[in-house]
């Protein structure tokens, strides 16, 4: 199982928002953006800040990807 933030980056692209814009507007760090790009864990507070900036729900910026093992 992993988390994908591709929806966030798609939303940013649709709104013509650069990473540095999100950093400034949401008050997050460059290191956090790097974590999001890698699909690493980030604090819920960070996701809240992003959702507040976009006025959206968590499901609009992230999704859980399940790794299904077909051997069972």
PDB file of N, CA and C in Angstrom:
ATOM      1  N   UNK A   1       0.845  -1.170   0.000  1.00  0.00           N
ATOM      2  CA  UNK A   1       0.000   0.000   0.000  1.00  0.00           C
ATOM      3  C   UNK A   1       0.894   1.238   0.000  1.00  0.00           C
ATOM      4  N   UNK A   2       0.498   2.230  -0.764  1.00  0.00           N
ATOM      5  CA  UNK A   2       1.234   3.487  -0.807  1.00  0.00           C
ATOM      6  C   UNK A   2       0.248   4.632  -1.012  1.00  0.00           C
ATOM      7  N   UNK A   3       0.752   5.840  -0.843  1.00  0.00           N
ATOM      8  CA  UNK A   3      -0.070   7.028  -1.037  1.00  0.00           C
ATOM      9  C   UNK A   3       0.450   7.772  -2.265  1.00  0.00           C
ATOM     10  N   UNK A   4      -0.470   8.203  -3.089  1.00  0.00           N
ATOM     11  CA  UNK A   4      -0.115   8.997  -4.263  1.00  0.00           C
ATOM     12  C   UNK A   4      -0.701  10.401  -4.101  1.00  0.00           C
ATOM     13  N   UNK A   5       0.122  11.378  -4.386  1.00  0.00           N
ATOM     14  CA  UNK A   5      -0.326  12.771  -4.364  1.00  0.00           C
ATOM     15  C   UNK A   5      -0.423  13.324  -5.784  1.00  0.00           C
ATOM     16  N   UNK A   6      -0.540  12.452  -6.752  1.00  0.00           N
ATOM     17  CA  UNK A   6      -0.637  12.876  -8.142  1.00  0.00           C
ATOM     18  C   UNK A   6      -1.824  13.812  -8.360  1.00  0.00           C
ATOM     19  N   UNK A   7      -2.908  13.555  -7.643  1.00  0.00           N
ATOM     20  CA  UNK A   7      -4.079  14.426  -7.767  1.00  0.00           C
ATOM     21  C   UNK A   7      -3.735  15.865  -7.385  1.00  0.00           C
ATOM     22  N   UNK A   8      -2.888  16.025  -6.374  1.00  0.00           N
ATOM     23  CA  UNK A   8      -2.457  17.362  -5.967  1.00  0.00           C
ATOM     24  C   UNK A   8      -1.700  18.043  -7.098  1.00  0.00           C
ATOM     25  N   UNK A   9      -0.758  17.325  -7.687  1.00  0.00           N
ATOM     26  CA  UNK A   9       0.046  17.928  -8.745  1.00  0.00           C
ATOM     27  C   UNK A   9      -0.775  18.190 -10.009  1.00  0.00           C
ATOM     28  N   UNK A  10      -1.783  17.349 -10.260  1.00  0.00           N
ATOM     29  CA  UNK A  10      -2.708  17.611 -11.369  1.00  0.00           C
ATOM     30  C   UNK A  10      -3.521  18.876 -11.100  1.00  0.00           C
ATOM     31  N   UNK A  11      -3.981  19.018  -9.858  1.00  0.00           N
ATOM     32  CA  UNK A  11      -4.753  20.194  -9.471  1.00  0.00           C
ATOM     33  C   UNK A  11      -3.907  21.455  -9.599  1.00  0.00           C
ATOM     34  N   UNK A  12      -2.658  21.372  -9.159  1.00  0.00           N
ATOM     35  CA  UNK A  12      -1.753  22.512  -9.286  1.00  0.00           C
ATOM     36  C   UNK A  12      -1.553  22.889 -10.753  1.00  0.00           C
ATOM     37  N   UNK A  13      -1.371  21.883 -11.593  1.00  0.00           N
ATOM     38  CA  UNK A  13      -1.181  22.140 -13.022  1.00  0.00           C
ATOM     39  C   UNK A  13      -2.434  22.801 -13.614  1.00  0.00           C
ATOM     40  N   UNK A  14      -3.612  22.287 -13.262  1.00  0.00           N
ATOM     41  CA  UNK A  14      -4.867  22.848 -13.773  1.00  0.00           C
ATOM     42  C   UNK A  14      -5.035  24.310 -13.370  1.00  0.00           C
ATOM     43  N   UNK A  15      -4.554  24.648 -12.177  1.00  0.00           N
ATOM     44  CA  UNK A  15      -4.674  26.020 -11.673  1.00  0.00           C
ATOM     45  C   UNK A  15      -3.445  26.867 -12.006  1.00  0.00           C
ATOM     46  N   UNK A  16      -2.539  26.267 -12.801  1.00  0.00           N
ATOM     47  CA  UNK A  16      -1.305  26.953 -13.208  1.00  0.00           C
ATOM     48  C   UNK A  16      -0.508  27.447 -11.993  1.00  0.00           C
ATOM     49  N   UNK A  17      -0.444  26.600 -10.977  1.00  0.00           N
ATOM     50  CA  UNK A  17       0.269  26.917  -9.751  1.00  0.00           C
ATOM     51  C   UNK A  17       1.599  26.175  -9.729  1.00  0.00           C
ATOM     52  N   UNK A  18       2.662  26.892  -9.466  1.00  0.00           N
ATOM     53  CA  UNK A  18       3.985  26.287  -9.360  1.00  0.00           C
ATOM     54  C   UNK A  18       4.208  25.802  -7.934  1.00  0.00           C
ATOM     55  N   UNK A  19       5.198  24.928  -7.779  1.00  0.00           N
ATOM     56  CA  UNK A  19       5.505  24.400  -6.454  1.00  0.00           C
ATOM     57  C   UNK A  19       5.847  25.523  -5.480  1.00  0.00           C
ATOM     58  N   UNK A  20       6.602  26.505  -5.929  1.00  0.00           N
ATOM     59  CA  UNK A  20       6.975  27.605  -5.033  1.00  0.00           C
ATOM     60  C   UNK A  20       5.750  28.408  -4.621  1.00  0.00           C
ATOM     61  N   UNK A  21       4.730  28.493  -5.477  1.00  0.00           N
ATOM     62  CA  UNK A  21       3.490  29.181  -5.115  1.00  0.00           C
ATOM     63  C   UNK A  21       2.791  28.448  -3.971  1.00  0.00           C
ATOM     64  N   UNK A  22       2.727  27.120  -4.082  1.00  0.00           N
ATOM     65  CA  UNK A  22       2.086  26.338  -3.021  1.00  0.00           C
ATOM     66  C   UNK A  22       2.868  26.468  -1.719  1.00  0.00           C
ATOM     67  N   UNK A  23       4.177  26.445  -1.804  1.00  0.00           N
ATOM     68  CA  UNK A  23       5.022  26.597  -0.619  1.00  0.00           C
ATOM     69  C   UNK A  23       4.708  27.908   0.096  1.00  0.00           C
ATOM     70  N   UNK A  24       4.633  28.976  -0.674  1.00  0.00           N
ATOM     71  CA  UNK A  24       4.363  30.292  -0.092  1.00  0.00           C
ATOM     72  C   UNK A  24       2.937  30.411   0.435  1.00  0.00           C
ATOM     73  N   UNK A  25       1.975  29.982  -0.346  1.00  0.00           N
ATOM     74  CA  UNK A  25       0.570  30.158   0.031  1.00  0.00           C
ATOM     75  C   UNK A  25       0.136  29.256   1.175  1.00  0.00           C
ATOM     76  N   UNK A  26       0.602  27.996   1.157  1.00  0.00           N
ATOM     77  CA  UNK A  26       0.178  27.042   2.187  1.00  0.00           C
ATOM     78  C   UNK A  26       1.124  27.037   3.387  1.00  0.00           C
ATOM     79  N   UNK A  27       2.284  27.675   3.249  1.00  0.00           N
ATOM     80  CA  UNK A  27       3.219  27.711   4.371  1.00  0.00           C
ATOM     81  C   UNK A  27       3.886  26.375   4.637  1.00  0.00           C
ATOM     82  N   UNK A  28       4.254  25.683   3.557  1.00  0.00           N
ATOM     83  CA  UNK A  28       4.952  24.406   3.699  1.00  0.00           C
ATOM     84  C   UNK A  28       6.376  24.568   3.157  1.00  0.00           C
ATOM     85  N   UNK A  29       7.207  23.566   3.372  1.00  0.00           N
ATOM     86  CA  UNK A  29       8.617  23.672   2.989  1.00  0.00           C
ATOM     87  C   UNK A  29       8.911  22.955   1.671  1.00  0.00           C
ATOM     88  N   UNK A  30      10.085  23.259   1.130  1.00  0.00           N
ATOM     89  CA  UNK A  30      10.553  22.553  -0.063  1.00  0.00           C
ATOM     90  C   UNK A  30      10.716  21.059   0.234  1.00  0.00           C
ATOM     91  N   UNK A  31      11.169  20.745   1.454  1.00  0.00           N
ATOM     92  CA  UNK A  31      11.343  19.341   1.841  1.00  0.00           C
ATOM     93  C   UNK A  31      10.004  18.607   1.821  1.00  0.00           C
ATOM     94  N   UNK A  32       8.949  19.296   2.219  1.00  0.00           N
ATOM     95  CA  UNK A  32       7.613  18.683   2.203  1.00  0.00           C
ATOM     96  C   UNK A  32       7.165  18.412   0.779  1.00  0.00           C
ATOM     97  N   UNK A  33       7.421  19.346  -0.118  1.00  0.00           N
ATOM     98  CA  UNK A  33       7.069  19.132  -1.534  1.00  0.00           C
ATOM     99  C   UNK A  33       7.818  17.910  -2.064  1.00  0.00           C
ATOM    100  N   UNK A  34       9.080  17.784  -1.699  1.00  0.00           N
ATOM    101  CA  UNK A  34       9.872  16.628  -2.132  1.00  0.00           C
ATOM    102  C   UNK A  34       9.259  15.332  -1.607  1.00  0.00           C
ATOM    103  N   UNK A  35       8.796  15.338  -0.368  1.00  0.00           N
ATOM    104  CA  UNK A  35       8.143  14.148   0.194  1.00  0.00           C
ATOM    105  C   UNK A  35       6.866  13.819  -0.580  1.00  0.00           C
ATOM    106  N   UNK A  36       6.092  14.839  -0.881  1.00  0.00           N
ATOM    107  CA  UNK A  36       4.854  14.622  -1.634  1.00  0.00           C
ATOM    108  C   UNK A  36       5.154  14.048  -3.012  1.00  0.00           C
ATOM    109  N   UNK A  37       6.190  14.544  -3.650  1.00  0.00           N
ATOM    110  CA  UNK A  37       6.557  14.053  -4.983  1.00  0.00           C
ATOM    111  C   UNK A  37       6.972  12.590  -4.940  1.00  0.00           C
ATOM    112  N   UNK A  38       7.588  12.174  -3.843  1.00  0.00           N
ATOM    113  CA  UNK A  38       8.030  10.776  -3.699  1.00  0.00           C
ATOM    114  C   UNK A  38       6.939   9.864  -3.151  1.00  0.00           C
ATOM    115  N   UNK A  39       5.830  10.458  -2.703  1.00  0.00           N
ATOM    116  CA  UNK A  39       4.767   9.653  -2.105  1.00  0.00           C
ATOM    117  C   UNK A  39       5.089   9.249  -0.676  1.00  0.00           C
ATOM    118  N   UNK A  40       6.012   9.984  -0.044  1.00  0.00           N
ATOM    119  CA  UNK A  40       6.360   9.704   1.347  1.00  0.00           C
ATOM    120  C   UNK A  40       5.264  10.212   2.281  1.00  0.00           C
ATOM    121  N   UNK A  41       5.325   9.756   3.520  1.00  0.00           N
ATOM    122  CA  UNK A  41       4.366  10.220   4.518  1.00  0.00           C
ATOM    123  C   UNK A  41       4.625  11.671   4.881  1.00  0.00           C
ATOM    124  N   UNK A  42       3.551  12.409   5.034  1.00  0.00           N
ATOM    125  CA  UNK A  42       3.627  13.786   5.519  1.00  0.00           C
ATOM    126  C   UNK A  42       2.609  13.937   6.642  1.00  0.00           C
ATOM    127  N   UNK A  43       2.809  14.938   7.463  1.00  0.00           N
ATOM    128  CA  UNK A  43       1.906  15.150   8.584  1.00  0.00           C
ATOM    129  C   UNK A  43       0.532  15.590   8.096  1.00  0.00           C
ATOM    130  N   UNK A  44      -0.479  15.204   8.867  1.00  0.00           N
ATOM    131  CA  UNK A  44      -1.852  15.592   8.535  1.00  0.00           C
ATOM    132  C   UNK A  44      -1.993  17.116   8.503  1.00  0.00           C
ATOM    133  N   UNK A  45      -1.254  17.808   9.335  1.00  0.00           N
ATOM    134  CA  UNK A  45      -1.290  19.274   9.353  1.00  0.00           C
ATOM    135  C   UNK A  45      -0.917  19.850   7.992  1.00  0.00           C
ATOM    136  N   UNK A  46       0.046  19.241   7.326  1.00  0.00           N
ATOM    137  CA  UNK A  46       0.459  19.683   5.989  1.00  0.00           C
ATOM    138  C   UNK A  46      -0.684  19.504   4.998  1.00  0.00           C
ATOM    139  N   UNK A  47      -1.319  18.348   5.045  1.00  0.00           N
ATOM    140  CA  UNK A  47      -2.428  18.085   4.133  1.00  0.00           C
ATOM    141  C   UNK A  47      -3.588  19.038   4.394  1.00  0.00           C
ATOM    142  N   UNK A  48      -3.817  19.362   5.674  1.00  0.00           N
ATOM    143  CA  UNK A  48      -4.858  20.336   6.014  1.00  0.00           C
ATOM    144  C   UNK A  48      -4.550  21.700   5.403  1.00  0.00           C
ATOM    145  N   UNK A  49      -3.301  22.132   5.492  1.00  0.00           N
ATOM    146  CA  UNK A  49      -2.907  23.425   4.928  1.00  0.00           C
ATOM    147  C   UNK A  49      -3.150  23.450   3.420  1.00  0.00           C
ATOM    148  N   UNK A  50      -2.820  22.357   2.756  1.00  0.00           N
ATOM    149  CA  UNK A  50      -3.010  22.277   1.304  1.00  0.00           C
ATOM    150  C   UNK A  50      -4.501  22.296   0.971  1.00  0.00           C
ATOM    151  N   UNK A  51      -5.280  21.541   1.719  1.00  0.00           N
ATOM    152  CA  UNK A  51      -6.725  21.520   1.483  1.00  0.00           C
ATOM    153  C   UNK A  51      -7.345  22.889   1.725  1.00  0.00           C
ATOM    154  N   UNK A  52      -6.875  23.594   2.750  1.00  0.00           N
ATOM    155  CA  UNK A  52      -7.378  24.943   2.999  1.00  0.00           C
ATOM    156  C   UNK A  52      -7.064  25.867   1.823  1.00  0.00           C
ATOM    157  N   UNK A  53      -5.854  25.746   1.294  1.00  0.00           N
ATOM    158  CA  UNK A  53      -5.454  26.593   0.164  1.00  0.00           C
ATOM    159  C   UNK A  53      -6.338  26.349  -1.059  1.00  0.00           C
ATOM    160  N   UNK A  54      -6.644  25.084  -1.329  1.00  0.00           N
ATOM    161  CA  UNK A  54      -7.451  24.737  -2.511  1.00  0.00           C
ATOM    162  C   UNK A  54      -8.946  24.657  -2.207  1.00  0.00           C
ATOM    163  N   UNK A  55      -9.295  24.788  -0.916  1.00  0.00           N
ATOM    164  CA  UNK A  55     -10.697  24.643  -0.510  1.00  0.00           C
ATOM    165  C   UNK A  55     -11.248  23.320  -1.029  1.00  0.00           C
ATOM    166  N   UNK A  56     -10.527  22.247  -0.673  1.00  0.00           N
ATOM    167  CA  UNK A  56     -10.888  20.918  -1.168  1.00  0.00           C
ATOM    168  C   UNK A  56     -10.809  19.879  -0.056  1.00  0.00           C
ATOM    169  N   UNK A  57     -11.156  18.658  -0.377  1.00  0.00           N
ATOM    170  CA  UNK A  57     -11.092  17.525   0.543  1.00  0.00           C
ATOM    171  C   UNK A  57      -9.806  16.744   0.315  1.00  0.00           C
ATOM    172  N   UNK A  58      -9.433  15.918   1.289  1.00  0.00           N
ATOM    173  CA  UNK A  58      -8.243  15.078   1.150  1.00  0.00           C
ATOM    174  C   UNK A  58      -8.294  14.223  -0.114  1.00  0.00           C
ATOM    175  N   UNK A  59      -9.457  13.713  -0.406  1.00  0.00           N
ATOM    176  CA  UNK A  59      -9.593  12.848  -1.583  1.00  0.00           C
ATOM    177  C   UNK A  59      -9.347  13.589  -2.893  1.00  0.00           C
ATOM    178  N   UNK A  60      -9.336  14.921  -2.841  1.00  0.00           N
ATOM    179  CA  UNK A  60      -9.050  15.713  -4.038  1.00  0.00           C
ATOM    180  C   UNK A  60      -7.549  15.852  -4.293  1.00  0.00           C
ATOM    181  N   UNK A  61      -6.730  15.551  -3.277  1.00  0.00           N
ATOM    182  CA  UNK A  61      -5.285  15.727  -3.430  1.00  0.00           C
ATOM    183  C   UNK A  61      -4.478  14.454  -3.221  1.00  0.00           C
ATOM    184  N   UNK A  62      -5.105  13.421  -2.679  1.00  0.00           N
ATOM    185  CA  UNK A  62      -4.360  12.189  -2.383  1.00  0.00           C
ATOM    186  C   UNK A  62      -5.245  10.971  -2.580  1.00  0.00           C
ATOM    187  N   UNK A  63      -4.572   9.846  -2.824  1.00  0.00           N
ATOM    188  CA  UNK A  63      -5.301   8.578  -2.886  1.00  0.00           C
ATOM    189  C   UNK A  63      -4.387   7.457  -2.422  1.00  0.00           C
ATOM    190  N   UNK A  64      -5.008   6.454  -1.841  1.00  0.00           N
ATOM    191  CA  UNK A  64      -4.260   5.284  -1.390  1.00  0.00           C
ATOM    192  C   UNK A  64      -4.239   4.273  -2.508  1.00  0.00           C
ATOM    193  N   UNK A  65      -3.041   3.780  -2.818  1.00  0.00           N
ATOM    194  CA  UNK A  65      -2.872   2.760  -3.848  1.00  0.00           C
ATOM    195  C   UNK A  65      -2.616   1.438  -3.146  1.00  0.00           C
ATOM    196  N   UNK A  66      -3.461   0.477  -3.379  1.00  0.00           N
ATOM    197  CA  UNK A  66      -3.324  -0.835  -2.745  1.00  0.00           C
ATOM    198  C   UNK A  66      -2.536  -1.767  -3.660  1.00  0.00           C
ATOM    199  N   UNK A  67      -1.606  -2.499  -3.063  1.00  0.00           N
ATOM    200  CA  UNK A  67      -0.846  -3.505  -3.791  1.00  0.00           C
ATOM    201  C   UNK A  67      -1.518  -4.842  -3.528  1.00  0.00           C
ATOM    202  N   UNK A  68      -2.240  -5.316  -4.496  1.00  0.00           N
ATOM    203  CA  UNK A  68      -2.943  -6.588  -4.323  1.00  0.00           C
ATOM    204  C   UNK A  68      -2.062  -7.738  -4.801  1.00  0.00           C
ATOM    205  N   UNK A  69      -1.934  -8.715  -3.956  1.00  0.00           N
ATOM    206  CA  UNK A  69      -1.156  -9.906  -4.262  1.00  0.00           C
ATOM    207  C   UNK A  69      -2.129 -10.953  -4.790  1.00  0.00           C
ATOM    208  N   UNK A  70      -2.003 -11.318  -6.033  1.00  0.00           N
ATOM    209  CA  UNK A  70      -2.941 -12.260  -6.661  1.00  0.00           C
ATOM    210  C   UNK A  70      -2.634 -13.721  -6.356  1.00  0.00           C
ATOM    211  N   UNK A  71      -1.680 -13.993  -5.462  1.00  0.00           N
ATOM    212  CA  UNK A  71      -1.343 -15.377  -5.165  1.00  0.00           C
ATOM    213  C   UNK A  71      -2.245 -15.982  -4.102  1.00  0.00           C
ATOM    214  N   UNK A  72      -3.078 -15.182  -3.459  1.00  0.00           N
ATOM    215  CA  UNK A  72      -3.959 -15.703  -2.410  1.00  0.00           C
ATOM    216  C   UNK A  72      -5.334 -15.974  -2.912  1.00  0.00           C
TER     217      UNK A  72
END
